[in-house]
Amino acid sequence: MASVSFAVGLLPCSSSSCYTRVSYGSVRFPVLNNANSLKLSSSANISSPILHQKLCTVPSPLALRPRPLTIVSAKGYKMKTHKASAKRFRVTGRGKIVRRRAGKQHLLVKKNTKRKSRLSKMQERL
């Protein structure tokens, strides 16, 4: 069994419109008598100041102005380029994907000039 208790109070500060809020909390830990359980010899209260805040009764003009919504996110993983695809395909200025025609690597002696010229041109990927 554990008991938890908190005390909240307002203390005046130097100016007449400000108060300091102090919160205290305490937790009581009982002694366990079971032989198989852990030996906890502490049943004392633990108390410490939890929160110190200044509360002003007159809001400032900056506090009345709504703050812009800020979205914070962790930096994600950047995808790596697939190098085999990067060597085979290009993207044109209009966003089309083009590729080279196959058949212009070897055995070019037996291919005529018109055929080699046609194989040199880029073809739009379907």
Foldseek 3Di string as FASTA:
>chain_A
DKDKDKDWDWADDDDPFKIKIWMKMWMFDDADPDPPDDGDPDGDIDMDTDDIDIDGPDDDPVVPDDDDDDDDDDDDDDDDDPVVVVVAWDADPVGFIKGAAPDQPDPCPPPDPVVNVVRGDIGTDD
